[in-house]
Structures are given as structure tokens and as C-alpha cells.
C-alpha atoms as a PDB file:
ATOM      1  CA  MET A   1       4.662  16.043   2.279  1.00  0.00           C
ATOM      2  CA  ILE A   2       7.453  13.463   2.409  1.00  0.00           C
ATOM      3  CA  LEU A   3       9.024  14.970   5.528  1.00  0.00           C
ATOM      4  CA  ASN A   4       5.799  14.322   7.492  1.00  0.00           C
ATOM      5  CA  THR A   5       5.402  10.763   6.196  1.00  0.00           C
ATOM      6  CA  ARG A   6       5.810   7.691   8.402  1.00  0.00           C
ATOM      7  CA  GLN A   7       7.692   5.745   5.725  1.00  0.00           C
ATOM      8  CA  VAL A   8       8.766   6.200   2.124  1.00  0.00           C
ATOM      9  CA  PHE A   9       9.683   3.350  -0.223  1.00  0.00           C
ATOM     10  CA  SER A  10      11.362   4.036  -3.554  1.00  0.00           C
ATOM     11  CA  ALA A  11      12.308   2.230  -6.755  1.00  0.00           C
ATOM     12  CA  TRP A  12      15.288   3.269  -8.825  1.00  0.00           C
ATOM     13  CA  ASP A  13      16.644   2.554 -12.293  1.00  0.00           C
ATOM     14  CA  LYS A  14      20.311   3.372 -11.798  1.00  0.00           C
ATOM     15  CA  GLU A  15      20.153   7.001 -10.613  1.00  0.00           C
ATOM     16  CA  GLU A  16      16.607   7.717 -11.799  1.00  0.00           C
ATOM     17  CA  LEU A  17      13.711   7.610  -9.321  1.00  0.00           C
ATOM     18  CA  VAL A  18      10.986   5.570 -11.057  1.00  0.00           C
ATOM     19  CA  GLY A  19       8.630   4.694  -8.207  1.00  0.00           C
ATOM     20  CA  LEU A  20       7.576   5.910  -4.773  1.00  0.00           C
ATOM     21  CA  ALA A  21       5.138   4.775  -2.078  1.00  0.00           C
ATOM     22  CA  ARG A  22       4.178   6.618   1.104  1.00  0.00           C
ATOM     23  CA  VAL A  23       2.829   5.240   4.376  1.00  0.00           C
ATOM     24  CA  VAL A  24       1.111   7.563   6.841  1.00  0.00           C
ATOM     25  CA  GLY A  25      -0.523   6.885  10.201  1.00  0.00           C
ATOM     26  CA  GLU A  26       0.336   5.996  13.735  1.00  0.00           C
ATOM     27  CA  GLU A  27       2.359   3.070  15.017  1.00  0.00           C
ATOM     28  CA  ALA A  28      -0.220   1.221  17.111  1.00  0.00           C
ATOM     29  CA  TYR A  29      -3.374   0.481  15.149  1.00  0.00           C
ATOM     30  CA  LYS A  30      -3.774   1.923  11.657  1.00  0.00           C
ATOM     31  CA  VAL A  31      -1.659   2.973   8.686  1.00  0.00           C
ATOM     32  CA  TYR A  32      -2.591   4.247   5.251  1.00  0.00           C
ATOM     33  CA  ILE A  33      -0.595   3.096   2.260  1.00  0.00           C
ATOM     34  CA  GLN A  34      -0.996   5.775  -0.353  1.00  0.00           C
ATOM     35  CA  ASP A  35       0.706   7.500  -3.213  1.00  0.00           C
ATOM     36  CA  ILE A  36       2.040   4.425  -4.959  1.00  0.00           C
ATOM     37  CA  LEU A  37       3.475   6.363  -7.866  1.00  0.00           C
ATOM     38  CA  VAL A  38       5.365   4.860 -10.801  1.00  0.00           C
ATOM     39  CA  LYS A  39       6.650   6.734 -13.856  1.00  0.00           C
ATOM     40  CA  LYS A  40       4.563   6.023 -16.933  1.00  0.00           C
ATOM     41  CA  ASP A  41       7.327   4.175 -18.812  1.00  0.00           C
ATOM     42  CA  TYR A  42       7.731   1.769 -15.857  1.00  0.00           C
ATOM     43  CA  GLN A  43       4.050   1.091 -15.086  1.00  0.00           C
ATOM     44  CA  GLY A  44       2.466  -2.309 -15.520  1.00  0.00           C
ATOM     45  CA  GLY A  45       5.474  -4.216 -14.281  1.00  0.00           C
ATOM     46  CA  LYS A  46       6.284  -5.364 -10.798  1.00  0.00           C
ATOM     47  CA  ILE A  47       7.346  -2.034  -9.345  1.00  0.00           C
ATOM     48  CA  GLU A  48       3.892  -1.151  -7.995  1.00  0.00           C
ATOM     49  CA  TYR A  49       3.535  -4.542  -6.380  1.00  0.00           C
ATOM     50  CA  THR A  50       7.064  -4.519  -4.951  1.00  0.00           C
ATOM     51  CA  LEU A  51       6.453  -1.138  -3.326  1.00  0.00           C
ATOM     52  CA  LEU A  52       3.161  -2.376  -1.838  1.00  0.00           C
ATOM     53  CA  LYS A  53       4.775  -5.590  -0.622  1.00  0.00           C
ATOM     54  CA  LYS A  54       7.577  -3.663   1.107  1.00  0.00           C
ATOM     55  CA  ALA A  55       5.059  -1.384   2.807  1.00  0.00           C
ATOM     56  CA  LEU A  56       3.035  -4.396   4.012  1.00  0.00           C
ATOM     57  CA  GLU A  57       6.102  -6.223   5.301  1.00  0.00           C
ATOM     58  CA  LYS A  58       7.440  -3.161   7.123  1.00  0.00           C
ATOM     59  CA  ASN A  59       4.044  -2.660   8.818  1.00  0.00           C
ATOM     60  CA  ALA A  60       3.164  -6.298   9.475  1.00  0.00           C
ATOM     61  CA  GLN A  61       2.686  -5.585  13.196  1.00  0.00           C
ATOM     62  CA  ILE A  62      -0.017  -2.941  12.534  1.00  0.00           C
ATOM     63  CA  PRO A  63      -3.507  -4.514  12.820  1.00  0.00           C
ATOM     64  CA  GLN A  64      -5.248  -2.341  10.225  1.00  0.00           C
ATOM     65  CA  LYS A  65      -3.784  -1.325   6.882  1.00  0.00           C
ATOM     66  CA  ILE A  66      -5.776   0.796   4.464  1.00  0.00           C
ATOM     67  CA  LEU A  67      -4.661   1.064   0.866  1.00  0.00           C
ATOM     68  CA  LEU A  68      -5.856   4.053  -1.142  1.00  0.00           C
ATOM     69  CA  THR A  69      -5.316   3.246  -4.795  1.00  0.00           C
ATOM     70  CA  GLU A  70      -6.778   3.189  -8.265  1.00  0.00           C
ATOM     71  CA  SER A  71      -9.590   0.787  -9.030  1.00  0.00           C
ATOM     72  CA  SER A  72      -8.071  -1.184 -11.906  1.00  0.00           C
ATOM     73  CA  ARG A  73      -8.759  -4.910 -12.269  1.00  0.00           C
ATOM     74  CA  ASN A  74      -5.086  -5.809 -11.882  1.00  0.00           C
ATOM     75  CA  VAL A  75      -4.767  -3.844  -8.639  1.00  0.00           C
ATOM     76  CA  ILE A  76      -7.958  -5.372  -7.228  1.00  0.00           C
ATOM     77  CA  ARG A  77      -6.857  -8.909  -8.177  1.00  0.00           C
ATOM     78  CA  TYR A  78      -3.414  -8.461  -6.626  1.00  0.00           C
ATOM     79  CA  CYS A  79      -4.770  -6.921  -3.433  1.00  0.00           C
ATOM     80  CA  ARG A  80      -7.277  -9.739  -2.952  1.00  0.00           C
ATOM     81  CA  LYS A  81      -4.428 -12.232  -3.433  1.00  0.00           C
ATOM     82  CA  GLU A  82      -2.532 -10.408  -0.659  1.00  0.00           C
ATOM     83  CA  GLY A  83      -5.477 -10.766   1.751  1.00  0.00           C
ATOM     84  CA  PHE A  84      -7.118  -7.364   1.294  1.00  0.00           C
ATOM     85  CA  THR A  85     -10.866  -7.020   0.923  1.00  0.00           C
ATOM     86  CA  VAL A  86     -12.508  -4.295  -1.106  1.00  0.00           C
ATOM     87  CA  SER A  87     -14.601  -2.088   1.146  1.00  0.00           C
ATOM     88  CA  GLU A  88     -15.581   0.830  -1.093  1.00  0.00           C
ATOM     89  CA  GLN A  89     -15.165   1.979  -4.636  1.00  0.00           C
ATOM     90  CA  GLU A  90     -15.211   5.717  -5.139  1.00  0.00           C
ATOM     91  CA  ALA A  91     -14.639   7.977  -8.116  1.00  0.00           C
ATOM     92  CA  PHE A  92     -11.119   8.795  -6.896  1.00  0.00           C
ATOM     93  CA  GLY A  93     -10.026   5.203  -6.432  1.00  0.00           C
ATOM     94  CA  LEU A  94     -10.348   2.116  -4.324  1.00  0.00           C
ATOM     95  CA  ILE A  95     -10.295   1.866  -0.551  1.00  0.00           C
ATOM     96  CA  ILE A  96      -9.066  -1.529   0.590  1.00  0.00           C
ATOM     97  CA  ASN A  97      -8.807  -2.729   4.173  1.00  0.00           C
ATOM     98  CA  GLU A  98      -6.783  -5.563   5.617  1.00  0.00           C
ATOM     99  CA  TYR A  99      -7.562  -6.763   9.115  1.00  0.00           C
ATOM    100  CA  SER A 100      -5.159  -9.164  10.744  1.00  0.00           C
ATOM    101  CA  ILE A 101      -6.215  -9.506  14.368  1.00  0.00           C
ATOM    102  CA  LYS A 102      -4.283 -12.225  16.119  1.00  0.00           C
ATOM    103  CA  LYS A 103      -6.076 -14.871  18.179  1.00  0.00           C
ATOM    104  CA  GLU A 104      -4.226 -13.829  21.351  1.00  0.00           C
ATOM    105  CA  ASP A 105      -5.530 -10.275  20.892  1.00  0.00           C
ATOM    106  CA  THR A 106      -9.185 -11.356  21.136  1.00  0.00           C
ATOM    107  CA  PHE A 107     -11.253 -12.071  24.248  1.00  0.00           C
END
């Protein structure tokens, strides 16, 4: 799974892997940020948000970013603060889209 991933971001506590985020997709139009995983003892801090922020920064040039994540209030609040809009809420989680089309790209 990781070998076929566009990007992987990780969080470490010394030599212990405590968090991981995967980005899949193509390089021109759309990427999916998924599998933001954090060990239970480290959840609720800033690790989840740091991993998401790194994925967003690394893919800033991609017009459409889709985040597949859980539908907790904290996640929704943070994502809205980052410019995402909630598009669907499903049993498996939350699908959030961010569109950032530049003025020069429109006609």
C-alpha cells in the first residue's frame, strides 16, 4: 500500500512511529489525503493536524484536494478553518473538498 502511494508523511517520538498520513492521486488536478493514522496514546494532540498541514503544503499546487477522514467535531472545525468545505457525511467518515482555482486559471 505504501509503495504505491504518492506521498507519505510520518510523525515520530524518538524511534517510535506514532503517526502516518498517505496522499494518493495524480499530479495535475486531484489528490486524496487519507489514512491519517495516529497511535491511540498520541491522539488528540497536534499530530493529526501537523500531518494534514504537511500534506496540504506539499500539494498546494494541486487544484482539488479531497480529505477522507472521521467525522468528529474537532476534525470538522479544523478543516473548515483550513478552507475545506464539508461535502458529504457517510457512515465511514467525512468527505471534505477544497477547491482553490486561481483567477488566472479561469476564463
